[in-house]
Amino acid sequence: MGMIYKRNKTSWIKYYRNCKPYRESTRSKIEFAARRLLKNCDGEIADGKLRDIHFDKATYDDLKAELLTDYELHRRKSIIRIKLSLSYLDKEFKGMKVVNIDSAKIKNYID
């Protein structure tokens, strides 16, 4: 669920994903456009799509940091094993953007 509100005659929407609020301009003064955009946002979130996540900016290092944070927060016993596994992956993928890690690079790593 979300809400529609006005800022300087422009309609804005506010919606929630994982209990975090997100605000977005509709770039329109028409409330119908705001309702339609909000409905689309709610549908995408319900389908599990990640709205406004830009994978072209994410790097292997970002994903590694998120994974390690998750393991530490949940006190997983296998954190030592995952750190060892990631040290091998670091040699091949460190500093790479996620969108550049394709099946060819993964096959090259496996070989």
PDB file of N, CA and C in Angstrom:
ATOM      1  N   MET A   1       0.841  -1.183   0.000  1.00  0.00           N
ATOM      2  CA  MET A   1       0.000   0.000   0.000  1.00  0.00           C
ATOM      3  C   MET A   1       0.877   1.234   0.000  1.00  0.00           C
ATOM      4  N   GLY A   2       0.323   2.275  -0.519  1.00  0.00           N
ATOM      5  CA  GLY A   2       1.050   3.520  -0.565  1.00  0.00           C
ATOM      6  C   GLY A   2       0.086   4.688  -0.500  1.00  0.00           C
ATOM      7  N   MET A   3       0.633   5.848  -0.800  1.00  0.00           N
ATOM      8  CA  MET A   3      -0.203   7.041  -0.758  1.00  0.00           C
ATOM      9  C   MET A   3       0.216   8.000  -1.860  1.00  0.00           C
ATOM     10  N   ILE A   4      -0.689   8.911  -2.183  1.00  0.00           N
ATOM     11  CA  ILE A   4      -0.447   9.946  -3.190  1.00  0.00           C
ATOM     12  C   ILE A   4      -0.512  11.293  -2.491  1.00  0.00           C
ATOM     13  N   TYR A   5       0.428  12.173  -2.837  1.00  0.00           N
ATOM     14  CA  TYR A   5       0.401  13.520  -2.276  1.00  0.00           C
ATOM     15  C   TYR A   5       0.963  14.498  -3.297  1.00  0.00           C
ATOM     16  N   LYS A   6       0.749  15.786  -3.045  1.00  0.00           N
ATOM     17  CA  LYS A   6       1.182  16.843  -3.963  1.00  0.00           C
ATOM     18  C   LYS A   6       2.386  17.590  -3.403  1.00  0.00           C
ATOM     19  N   ARG A   7       3.289  17.945  -4.300  1.00  0.00           N
ATOM     20  CA  ARG A   7       4.403  18.834  -3.985  1.00  0.00           C
ATOM     21  C   ARG A   7       4.516  19.802  -5.154  1.00  0.00           C
ATOM     22  N   ASN A   8       4.278  21.069  -4.895  1.00  0.00           N
ATOM     23  CA  ASN A   8       4.346  22.095  -5.947  1.00  0.00           C
ATOM     24  C   ASN A   8       3.524  21.713  -7.183  1.00  0.00           C
ATOM     25  N   LYS A   9       2.301  21.323  -6.972  1.00  0.00           N
ATOM     26  CA  LYS A   9       1.335  20.953  -8.004  1.00  0.00           C
ATOM     27  C   LYS A   9       1.652  19.634  -8.717  1.00  0.00           C
ATOM     28  N   THR A  10       2.752  18.996  -8.392  1.00  0.00           N
ATOM     29  CA  THR A  10       3.112  17.713  -8.993  1.00  0.00           C
ATOM     30  C   THR A  10       2.704  16.594  -8.043  1.00  0.00           C
ATOM     31  N   SER A  11       2.129  15.536  -8.599  1.00  0.00           N
ATOM     32  CA  SER A  11       1.734  14.376  -7.792  1.00  0.00           C
ATOM     33  C   SER A  11       2.949  13.510  -7.498  1.00  0.00           C
ATOM     34  N   TRP A  12       3.045  13.084  -6.261  1.00  0.00           N
ATOM     35  CA  TRP A  12       4.091  12.180  -5.818  1.00  0.00           C
ATOM     36  C   TRP A  12       3.440  10.953  -5.205  1.00  0.00           C
ATOM     37  N   ILE A  13       4.166   9.843  -5.218  1.00  0.00           N
ATOM     38  CA  ILE A  13       3.681   8.641  -4.556  1.00  0.00           C
ATOM     39  C   ILE A  13       4.681   8.232  -3.478  1.00  0.00           C
ATOM     40  N   LYS A  14       4.164   7.555  -2.475  1.00  0.00           N
ATOM     41  CA  LYS A  14       4.988   6.994  -1.410  1.00  0.00           C
ATOM     42  C   LYS A  14       4.543   5.554  -1.249  1.00  0.00           C
ATOM     43  N   TYR A  15       5.506   4.635  -1.304  1.00  0.00           N
ATOM     44  CA  TYR A  15       5.191   3.226  -1.145  1.00  0.00           C
ATOM     45  C   TYR A  15       6.266   2.597  -0.267  1.00  0.00           C
ATOM     46  N   TYR A  16       6.020   1.384   0.156  1.00  0.00           N
ATOM     47  CA  TYR A  16       6.924   0.698   1.075  1.00  0.00           C
ATOM     48  C   TYR A  16       7.412  -0.604   0.460  1.00  0.00           C
ATOM     49  N   ARG A  17       8.704  -0.868   0.643  1.00  0.00           N
ATOM     50  CA  ARG A  17       9.289  -2.150   0.259  1.00  0.00           C
ATOM     51  C   ARG A  17      10.180  -2.582   1.412  1.00  0.00           C
ATOM     52  N   ASN A  18       9.922  -3.762   1.947  1.00  0.00           N
ATOM     53  CA  ASN A  18      10.660  -4.281   3.111  1.00  0.00           C
ATOM     54  C   ASN A  18      10.621  -3.293   4.271  1.00  0.00           C
ATOM     55  N   CYS A  19       9.461  -2.738   4.522  1.00  0.00           N
ATOM     56  CA  CYS A  19       9.203  -1.809   5.628  1.00  0.00           C
ATOM     57  C   CYS A  19       9.966  -0.496   5.509  1.00  0.00           C
ATOM     58  N   LYS A  20      10.513  -0.200   4.348  1.00  0.00           N
ATOM     59  CA  LYS A  20      11.242   1.044   4.144  1.00  0.00           C
ATOM     60  C   LYS A  20      10.454   1.912   3.169  1.00  0.00           C
ATOM     61  N   PRO A  21      10.225   3.192   3.500  1.00  0.00           N
ATOM     62  CA  PRO A  21       9.444   4.046   2.610  1.00  0.00           C
ATOM     63  C   PRO A  21      10.264   4.534   1.406  1.00  0.00           C
ATOM     64  N   TYR A  22       9.622   4.595   0.259  1.00  0.00           N
ATOM     65  CA  TYR A  22      10.224   5.121  -0.966  1.00  0.00           C
ATOM     66  C   TYR A  22       9.278   6.164  -1.536  1.00  0.00           C
ATOM     67  N   ARG A  23       9.833   7.266  -2.023  1.00  0.00           N
ATOM     68  CA  ARG A  23       9.036   8.342  -2.622  1.00  0.00           C
ATOM     69  C   ARG A  23       9.481   8.533  -4.057  1.00  0.00           C
ATOM     70  N   GLU A  24       8.504   8.826  -4.896  1.00  0.00           N
ATOM     71  CA  GLU A  24       8.802   8.957  -6.315  1.00  0.00           C
ATOM     72  C   GLU A  24       7.863   9.984  -6.941  1.00  0.00           C
ATOM     73  N   SER A  25       8.418  10.836  -7.774  1.00  0.00           N
ATOM     74  CA  SER A  25       7.605  11.817  -8.478  1.00  0.00           C
ATOM     75  C   SER A  25       6.928  11.148  -9.666  1.00  0.00           C
ATOM     76  N   THR A  26       5.681  11.548  -9.920  1.00  0.00           N
ATOM     77  CA  THR A  26       4.983  11.032 -11.095  1.00  0.00           C
ATOM     78  C   THR A  26       5.284  11.890 -12.323  1.00  0.00           C
ATOM     79  N   ARG A  27       5.891  13.046 -12.095  1.00  0.00           N
ATOM     80  CA  ARG A  27       6.190  14.023 -13.145  1.00  0.00           C
ATOM     81  C   ARG A  27       4.918  14.460 -13.875  1.00  0.00           C
ATOM     82  N   SER A  28       3.830  14.455 -13.130  1.00  0.00           N
ATOM     83  CA  SER A  28       2.537  14.815 -13.703  1.00  0.00           C
ATOM     84  C   SER A  28       1.709  15.533 -12.653  1.00  0.00           C
ATOM     85  N   LYS A  29       0.793  16.385 -13.115  1.00  0.00           N
ATOM     86  CA  LYS A  29      -0.127  17.068 -12.216  1.00  0.00           C
ATOM     87  C   LYS A  29      -1.438  16.303 -12.085  1.00  0.00           C
ATOM     88  N   ILE A  30      -1.598  15.263 -12.900  1.00  0.00           N
ATOM     89  CA  ILE A  30      -2.849  14.508 -12.952  1.00  0.00           C
ATOM     90  C   ILE A  30      -2.822  13.387 -11.911  1.00  0.00           C
ATOM     91  N   GLU A  31      -3.851  13.358 -11.075  1.00  0.00           N
ATOM     92  CA  GLU A  31      -3.901  12.362 -10.003  1.00  0.00           C
ATOM     93  C   GLU A  31      -4.079  10.949 -10.549  1.00  0.00           C
ATOM     94  N   PHE A  32      -4.753  10.817 -11.688  1.00  0.00           N
ATOM     95  CA  PHE A  32      -4.954   9.492 -12.281  1.00  0.00           C
ATOM     96  C   PHE A  32      -3.608   8.838 -12.609  1.00  0.00           C
ATOM     97  N   ALA A  33      -2.669   9.632 -13.120  1.00  0.00           N
ATOM     98  CA  ALA A  33      -1.332   9.098 -13.435  1.00  0.00           C
ATOM     99  C   ALA A  33      -0.648   8.610 -12.171  1.00  0.00           C
ATOM    100  N   ALA A  34      -0.827   9.326 -11.076  1.00  0.00           N
ATOM    101  CA  ALA A  34      -0.240   8.926  -9.801  1.00  0.00           C
ATOM    102  C   ALA A  34      -0.849   7.616  -9.313  1.00  0.00           C
ATOM    103  N   ARG A  35      -2.165   7.482  -9.440  1.00  0.00           N
ATOM    104  CA  ARG A  35      -2.825   6.241  -9.017  1.00  0.00           C
ATOM    105  C   ARG A  35      -2.334   5.051  -9.833  1.00  0.00           C
ATOM    106  N   ARG A  36      -2.173   5.263 -11.134  1.00  0.00           N
ATOM    107  CA  ARG A  36      -1.709   4.190 -12.012  1.00  0.00           C
ATOM    108  C   ARG A  36      -0.269   3.784 -11.666  1.00  0.00           C
ATOM    109  N   LEU A  37       0.607   4.763 -11.430  1.00  0.00           N
ATOM    110  CA  LEU A  37       1.993   4.482 -11.078  1.00  0.00           C
ATOM    111  C   LEU A  37       2.076   3.755  -9.733  1.00  0.00           C
ATOM    112  N   LEU A  38       1.281   4.199  -8.771  1.00  0.00           N
ATOM    113  CA  LEU A  38       1.265   3.553  -7.467  1.00  0.00           C
ATOM    114  C   LEU A  38       0.788   2.108  -7.584  1.00  0.00           C
ATOM    115  N   LYS A  39      -0.220   1.884  -8.404  1.00  0.00           N
ATOM    116  CA  LYS A  39      -0.731   0.533  -8.608  1.00  0.00           C
ATOM    117  C   LYS A  39       0.344  -0.347  -9.253  1.00  0.00           C
ATOM    118  N   ASN A  40       1.083   0.200 -10.218  1.00  0.00           N
ATOM    119  CA  ASN A  40       2.170  -0.546 -10.854  1.00  0.00           C
ATOM    120  C   ASN A  40       3.267  -0.884  -9.848  1.00  0.00           C
ATOM    121  N   CYS A  41       3.602   0.083  -9.002  1.00  0.00           N
ATOM    122  CA  CYS A  41       4.626  -0.145  -7.974  1.00  0.00           C
ATOM    123  C   CYS A  41       4.207  -1.262  -7.047  1.00  0.00           C
ATOM    124  N   ASP A  42       2.980  -1.200  -6.564  1.00  0.00           N
ATOM    125  CA  ASP A  42       2.476  -2.231  -5.664  1.00  0.00           C
ATOM    126  C   ASP A  42       2.501  -3.605  -6.332  1.00  0.00           C
ATOM    127  N   GLY A  43       2.147  -3.652  -7.618  1.00  0.00           N
ATOM    128  CA  GLY A  43       2.158  -4.914  -8.359  1.00  0.00           C
ATOM    129  C   GLY A  43       3.558  -5.473  -8.513  1.00  0.00           C
ATOM    130  N   GLU A  44       4.514  -4.613  -8.844  1.00  0.00           N
ATOM    131  CA  GLU A  44       5.899  -5.065  -9.000  1.00  0.00           C
ATOM    132  C   GLU A  44       6.459  -5.587  -7.680  1.00  0.00           C
ATOM    133  N   ILE A  45       6.168  -4.887  -6.604  1.00  0.00           N
ATOM    134  CA  ILE A  45       6.658  -5.316  -5.290  1.00  0.00           C
ATOM    135  C   ILE A  45       6.015  -6.646  -4.900  1.00  0.00           C
ATOM    136  N   ALA A  46       4.724  -6.795  -5.182  1.00  0.00           N
ATOM    137  CA  ALA A  46       4.027  -8.049  -4.861  1.00  0.00           C
ATOM    138  C   ALA A  46       4.585  -9.209  -5.688  1.00  0.00           C
ATOM    139  N   ASP A  47       5.021  -8.936  -6.924  1.00  0.00           N
ATOM    140  CA  ASP A  47       5.598  -9.970  -7.787  1.00  0.00           C
ATOM    141  C   ASP A  47       7.049 -10.282  -7.440  1.00  0.00           C
ATOM    142  N   GLY A  48       7.618  -9.521  -6.515  1.00  0.00           N
ATOM    143  CA  GLY A  48       9.000  -9.759  -6.117  1.00  0.00           C
ATOM    144  C   GLY A  48      10.030  -9.051  -6.965  1.00  0.00           C
ATOM    145  N   LYS A  49       9.587  -8.155  -7.827  1.00  0.00           N
ATOM    146  CA  LYS A  49      10.533  -7.402  -8.644  1.00  0.00           C
ATOM    147  C   LYS A  49      11.148  -6.296  -7.798  1.00  0.00           C
ATOM    148  N   LEU A  50      12.388  -5.982  -8.075  1.00  0.00           N
ATOM    149  CA  LEU A  50      13.093  -4.956  -7.322  1.00  0.00           C
ATOM    150  C   LEU A  50      13.003  -3.635  -8.073  1.00  0.00           C
ATOM    151  N   ARG A  51      12.099  -2.821  -7.649  1.00  0.00           N
ATOM    152  CA  ARG A  51      11.869  -1.533  -8.291  1.00  0.00           C
ATOM    153  C   ARG A  51      12.985  -0.560  -7.921  1.00  0.00           C
ATOM    154  N   ASP A  52      13.483   0.164  -8.896  1.00  0.00           N
ATOM    155  CA  ASP A  52      14.503   1.204  -8.708  1.00  0.00           C
ATOM    156  C   ASP A  52      15.827   0.678  -8.170  1.00  0.00           C
ATOM    157  N   ILE A  53      16.114  -0.588  -8.388  1.00  0.00           N
ATOM    158  CA  ILE A  53      17.426  -1.115  -8.041  1.00  0.00           C
ATOM    159  C   ILE A  53      18.234  -1.125  -9.336  1.00  0.00           C
ATOM    160  N   HIS A  54      19.359  -0.482  -9.323  1.00  0.00           N
ATOM    161  CA  HIS A  54      20.173  -0.357 -10.524  1.00  0.00           C
ATOM    162  C   HIS A  54      21.341  -1.334 -10.446  1.00  0.00           C
ATOM    163  N   PHE A  55      21.166  -2.490 -11.078  1.00  0.00           N
ATOM    164  CA  PHE A  55      22.186  -3.522 -11.019  1.00  0.00           C
ATOM    165  C   PHE A  55      23.443  -3.128 -11.769  1.00  0.00           C
ATOM    166  N   ASP A  56      23.342  -2.177 -12.702  1.00  0.00           N
ATOM    167  CA  ASP A  56      24.523  -1.771 -13.448  1.00  0.00           C
ATOM    168  C   ASP A  56      25.524  -1.028 -12.576  1.00  0.00           C
ATOM    169  N   LYS A  57      25.132  -0.596 -11.398  1.00  0.00           N
ATOM    170  CA  LYS A  57      26.031   0.101 -10.481  1.00  0.00           C
ATOM    171  C   LYS A  57      26.598  -0.826  -9.410  1.00  0.00           C
ATOM    172  N   ALA A  58      25.966  -1.963  -9.182  1.00  0.00           N
ATOM    173  CA  ALA A  58      26.389  -2.882  -8.122  1.00  0.00           C
ATOM    174  C   ALA A  58      27.645  -3.635  -8.542  1.00  0.00           C
ATOM    175  N   THR A  59      28.534  -3.847  -7.585  1.00  0.00           N
ATOM    176  CA  THR A  59      29.761  -4.579  -7.865  1.00  0.00           C
ATOM    177  C   THR A  59      29.788  -5.880  -7.067  1.00  0.00           C
ATOM    178  N   TYR A  60      30.702  -6.734  -7.446  1.00  0.00           N
ATOM    179  CA  TYR A  60      30.917  -7.985  -6.722  1.00  0.00           C
ATOM    180  C   TYR A  60      31.226  -7.678  -5.258  1.00  0.00           C
ATOM    181  N   ASP A  61      32.017  -6.640  -5.028  1.00  0.00           N
ATOM    182  CA  ASP A  61      32.397  -6.271  -3.658  1.00  0.00           C
ATOM    183  C   ASP A  61      31.183  -5.854  -2.832  1.00  0.00           C
ATOM    184  N   ASP A  62      30.223  -5.174  -3.465  1.00  0.00           N
ATOM    185  CA  ASP A  62      28.988  -4.790  -2.768  1.00  0.00           C
ATOM    186  C   ASP A  62      28.210  -6.028  -2.328  1.00  0.00           C
ATOM    187  N   LEU A  63      28.066  -6.983  -3.244  1.00  0.00           N
ATOM    188  CA  LEU A  63      27.322  -8.201  -2.924  1.00  0.00           C
ATOM    189  C   LEU A  63      28.044  -9.020  -1.857  1.00  0.00           C
ATOM    190  N   LYS A  64      29.369  -9.062  -1.940  1.00  0.00           N
ATOM    191  CA  LYS A  64      30.156  -9.784  -0.940  1.00  0.00           C
ATOM    192  C   LYS A  64      29.951  -9.171   0.447  1.00  0.00           C
ATOM    193  N   ALA A  65      29.990  -7.847   0.517  1.00  0.00           N
ATOM    194  CA  ALA A  65      29.804  -7.167   1.801  1.00  0.00           C
ATOM    195  C   ALA A  65      28.418  -7.439   2.366  1.00  0.00           C
ATOM    196  N   GLU A  66      27.391  -7.419   1.515  1.00  0.00           N
ATOM    197  CA  GLU A  66      26.021  -7.708   1.962  1.00  0.00           C
ATOM    198  C   GLU A  66      25.909  -9.144   2.480  1.00  0.00           C
ATOM    199  N   LEU A  67      26.525 -10.076   1.767  1.00  0.00           N
ATOM    200  CA  LEU A  67      26.472 -11.479   2.180  1.00  0.00           C
ATOM    201  C   LEU A  67      27.148 -11.670   3.530  1.00  0.00           C
ATOM    202  N   LEU A  68      28.325 -11.090   3.698  1.00  0.00           N
ATOM    203  CA  LEU A  68      29.036 -11.224   4.971  1.00  0.00           C
ATOM    204  C   LEU A  68      28.274 -10.570   6.118  1.00  0.00           C
ATOM    205  N   THR A  69      27.645  -9.430   5.846  1.00  0.00           N
ATOM    206  CA  THR A  69      26.838  -8.769   6.870  1.00  0.00           C
ATOM    207  C   THR A  69      25.681  -9.654   7.295  1.00  0.00           C
ATOM    208  N   ASP A  70      25.032 -10.286   6.322  1.00  0.00           N
ATOM    209  CA  ASP A  70      23.919 -11.188   6.631  1.00  0.00           C
ATOM    210  C   ASP A  70      24.389 -12.363   7.479  1.00  0.00           C
ATOM    211  N   TYR A  71      25.523 -12.943   7.110  1.00  0.00           N
ATOM    212  CA  TYR A  71      26.053 -14.070   7.877  1.00  0.00           C
ATOM    213  C   TYR A  71      26.381 -13.658   9.307  1.00  0.00           C
ATOM    214  N   GLU A  72      26.950 -12.463   9.472  1.00  0.00           N
ATOM    215  CA  GLU A  72      27.303 -11.994  10.818  1.00  0.00           C
ATOM    216  C   GLU A  72      26.057 -11.674  11.646  1.00  0.00           C
ATOM    217  N   LEU A  73      25.077 -11.035  11.028  1.00  0.00           N
ATOM    218  CA  LEU A  73      23.854 -10.694  11.752  1.00  0.00           C
ATOM    219  C   LEU A  73      23.104 -11.933  12.236  1.00  0.00           C
ATOM    220  N   HIS A  74      23.085 -12.960  11.402  1.00  0.00           N
ATOM    221  CA  HIS A  74      22.348 -14.173  11.748  1.00  0.00           C
ATOM    222  C   HIS A  74      23.228 -15.204  12.450  1.00  0.00           C
ATOM    223  N   ARG A  75      24.463 -14.820  12.731  1.00  0.00           N
ATOM    224  CA  ARG A  75      25.419 -15.675  13.446  1.00  0.00           C
ATOM    225  C   ARG A  75      25.472 -17.084  12.863  1.00  0.00           C
ATOM    226  N   ARG A  76      25.644 -17.128  11.563  1.00  0.00           N
ATOM    227  CA  ARG A  76      25.703 -18.425  10.885  1.00  0.00           C
ATOM    228  C   ARG A  76      27.031 -19.110  11.209  1.00  0.00           C
ATOM    229  N   LYS A  77      26.950 -20.400  11.478  1.00  0.00           N
ATOM    230  CA  LYS A  77      28.143 -21.156  11.840  1.00  0.00           C
ATOM    231  C   LYS A  77      29.097 -21.310  10.662  1.00  0.00           C
ATOM    232  N   SER A  78      28.579 -21.222   9.456  1.00  0.00           N
ATOM    233  CA  SER A  78      29.392 -21.443   8.257  1.00  0.00           C
ATOM    234  C   SER A  78      30.092 -20.176   7.771  1.00  0.00           C
ATOM    235  N   ILE A  79      30.188 -19.163   8.598  1.00  0.00           N
ATOM    236  CA  ILE A  79      30.807 -17.904   8.161  1.00  0.00           C
ATOM    237  C   ILE A  79      32.285 -18.114   7.801  1.00  0.00           C
ATOM    238  N   ILE A  80      32.976 -18.996   8.498  1.00  0.00           N
ATOM    239  CA  ILE A  80      34.383 -19.255   8.179  1.00  0.00           C
ATOM    240  C   ILE A  80      34.482 -19.874   6.788  1.00  0.00           C
ATOM    241  N   ARG A  81      33.588 -20.792   6.493  1.00  0.00           N
ATOM    242  CA  ARG A  81      33.584 -21.460   5.183  1.00  0.00           C
ATOM    243  C   ARG A  81      33.273 -20.469   4.076  1.00  0.00           C
ATOM    244  N   ILE A  82      32.300 -19.575   4.282  1.00  0.00           N
ATOM    245  CA  ILE A  82      31.936 -18.621   3.231  1.00  0.00           C
ATOM    246  C   ILE A  82      33.071 -17.632   2.995  1.00  0.00           C
ATOM    247  N   LYS A  83      33.780 -17.248   4.046  1.00  0.00           N
ATOM    248  CA  LYS A  83      34.921 -16.340   3.879  1.00  0.00           C
ATOM    249  C   LYS A  83      36.021 -17.000   3.055  1.00  0.00           C
ATOM    250  N   LEU A  84      36.260 -18.286   3.286  1.00  0.00           N
ATOM    251  CA  LEU A  84      37.243 -19.018   2.504  1.00  0.00           C
ATOM    252  C   LEU A  84      36.821 -19.093   1.036  1.00  0.00           C
ATOM    253  N   SER A  85      35.560 -19.424   0.808  1.00  0.00           N
ATOM    254  CA  SER A  85      35.050 -19.508  -0.564  1.00  0.00           C
ATOM    255  C   SER A  85      35.140 -18.164  -1.271  1.00  0.00           C
ATOM    256  N   LEU A  86      34.798 -17.099  -0.567  1.00  0.00           N
ATOM    257  CA  LEU A  86      34.858 -15.766  -1.173  1.00  0.00           C
ATOM    258  C   LEU A  86      36.289 -15.345  -1.473  1.00  0.00           C
ATOM    259  N   SER A  87      37.251 -15.818  -0.685  1.00  0.00           N
ATOM    260  CA  SER A  87      38.645 -15.456  -0.969  1.00  0.00           C
ATOM    261  C   SER A  87      39.083 -16.007  -2.318  1.00  0.00           C
ATOM    262  N   TYR A  88      38.577 -17.172  -2.711  1.00  0.00           N
ATOM    263  CA  TYR A  88      38.875 -17.724  -4.040  1.00  0.00           C
ATOM    264  C   TYR A  88      38.180 -16.920  -5.134  1.00  0.00           C
ATOM    265  N   LEU A  89      36.935 -16.540  -4.879  1.00  0.00           N
ATOM    266  CA  LEU A  89      36.195 -15.748  -5.855  1.00  0.00           C
ATOM    267  C   LEU A  89      36.801 -14.362  -6.030  1.00  0.00           C
ATOM    268  N   ASP A  90      37.382 -13.818  -4.961  1.00  0.00           N
ATOM    269  CA  ASP A  90      37.992 -12.487  -5.018  1.00  0.00           C
ATOM    270  C   ASP A  90      39.052 -12.410  -6.114  1.00  0.00           C
ATOM    271  N   LYS A  91      39.811 -13.485  -6.279  1.00  0.00           N
ATOM    272  CA  LYS A  91      40.890 -13.484  -7.262  1.00  0.00           C
ATOM    273  C   LYS A  91      40.375 -13.253  -8.676  1.00  0.00           C
ATOM    274  N   GLU A  92      39.179 -13.695  -8.946  1.00  0.00           N
ATOM    275  CA  GLU A  92      38.621 -13.592 -10.296  1.00  0.00           C
ATOM    276  C   GLU A  92      37.679 -12.406 -10.478  1.00  0.00           C
ATOM    277  N   PHE A  93      36.879 -12.081  -9.466  1.00  0.00           N
ATOM    278  CA  PHE A  93      35.783 -11.129  -9.654  1.00  0.00           C
ATOM    279  C   PHE A  93      35.914  -9.816  -8.890  1.00  0.00           C
ATOM    280  N   LYS A  94      36.945  -9.644  -8.080  1.00  0.00           N
ATOM    281  CA  LYS A  94      37.086  -8.442  -7.253  1.00  0.00           C
ATOM    282  C   LYS A  94      37.055  -7.182  -8.122  1.00  0.00           C
ATOM    283  N   GLY A  95      36.203  -6.235  -7.718  1.00  0.00           N
ATOM    284  CA  GLY A  95      36.096  -4.957  -8.405  1.00  0.00           C
ATOM    285  C   GLY A  95      35.210  -4.963  -9.644  1.00  0.00           C
ATOM    286  N   MET A  96      34.707  -6.119 -10.053  1.00  0.00           N
ATOM    287  CA  MET A  96      33.874  -6.206 -11.259  1.00  0.00           C
ATOM    288  C   MET A  96      32.448  -5.780 -10.961  1.00  0.00           C
ATOM    289  N   LYS A  97      31.815  -5.182 -11.969  1.00  0.00           N
ATOM    290  CA  LYS A  97      30.395  -4.882 -11.853  1.00  0.00           C
ATOM    291  C   LYS A  97      29.611  -6.171 -12.048  1.00  0.00           C
ATOM    292  N   VAL A  98      28.506  -6.285 -11.351  1.00  0.00           N
ATOM    293  CA  VAL A  98      27.694  -7.495 -11.391  1.00  0.00           C
ATOM    294  C   VAL A  98      27.215  -7.793 -12.808  1.00  0.00           C
ATOM    295  N   VAL A  99      26.848  -6.772 -13.557  1.00  0.00           N
ATOM    296  CA  VAL A  99      26.334  -7.002 -14.907  1.00  0.00           C
ATOM    297  C   VAL A  99      27.413  -7.550 -15.840  1.00  0.00           C
ATOM    298  N   ASN A 100      28.683  -7.394 -15.478  1.00  0.00           N
ATOM    299  CA  ASN A 100      29.771  -7.904 -16.303  1.00  0.00           C
ATOM    300  C   ASN A 100      30.151  -9.343 -15.968  1.00  0.00           C
ATOM    301  N   ILE A 101      29.600  -9.881 -14.904  1.00  0.00           N
ATOM    302  CA  ILE A 101      29.870 -11.275 -14.540  1.00  0.00           C
ATOM    303  C   ILE A 101      28.845 -12.135 -15.265  1.00  0.00           C
ATOM    304  N   ASP A 102      29.265 -12.702 -16.368  1.00  0.00           N
ATOM    305  CA  ASP A 102      28.364 -13.515 -17.181  1.00  0.00           C
ATOM    306  C   ASP A 102      28.785 -14.981 -17.121  1.00  0.00           C
ATOM    307  N   SER A 103      28.066 -15.824 -17.824  1.00  0.00           N
ATOM    308  CA  SER A 103      28.337 -17.258 -17.757  1.00  0.00           C
ATOM    309  C   SER A 103      29.712 -17.597 -18.317  1.00  0.00           C
ATOM    310  N   ALA A 104      30.204 -16.843 -19.284  1.00  0.00           N
ATOM    311  CA  ALA A 104      31.528 -17.103 -19.828  1.00  0.00           C
ATOM    312  C   ALA A 104      32.611 -16.876 -18.766  1.00  0.00           C
ATOM    313  N   LYS A 105      32.477 -15.805 -17.992  1.00  0.00           N
ATOM    314  CA  LYS A 105      33.458 -15.523 -16.934  1.00  0.00           C
ATOM    315  C   LYS A 105      33.370 -16.571 -15.822  1.00  0.00           C
ATOM    316  N   ILE A 106      32.171 -17.031 -15.534  1.00  0.00           N
ATOM    317  CA  ILE A 106      31.990 -18.053 -14.504  1.00  0.00           C
ATOM    318  C   ILE A 106      32.599 -19.380 -14.977  1.00  0.00           C
ATOM    319  N   LYS A 107      32.366 -19.738 -16.247  1.00  0.00           N
ATOM    320  CA  LYS A 107      32.970 -20.956 -16.783  1.00  0.00           C
ATOM    321  C   LYS A 107      34.488 -20.863 -16.788  1.00  0.00           C
ATOM    322  N   ASN A 108      35.020 -19.692 -17.118  1.00  0.00           N
ATOM    323  CA  ASN A 108      36.461 -19.473 -17.102  1.00  0.00           C
ATOM    324  C   ASN A 108      37.002 -19.666 -15.684  1.00  0.00           C
ATOM    325  N   TYR A 109      36.271 -19.158 -14.696  1.00  0.00           N
ATOM    326  CA  TYR A 109      36.677 -19.323 -13.289  1.00  0.00           C
ATOM    327  C   TYR A 109      36.674 -20.813 -12.898  1.00  0.00           C
ATOM    328  N   ILE A 110      35.658 -21.535 -13.306  1.00  0.00           N
ATOM    329  CA  ILE A 110      35.544 -22.961 -12.965  1.00  0.00           C
ATOM    330  C   ILE A 110      36.697 -23.757 -13.565  1.00  0.00           C
ATOM    331  N   ASP A 111      37.056 -23.420 -14.795  1.00  0.00           N
ATOM    332  CA  ASP A 111      38.171 -24.121 -15.454  1.00  0.00           C
ATOM    333  C   ASP A 111      39.472 -23.794 -14.754  1.00  0.00           C
TER     334      ASP A 111
END
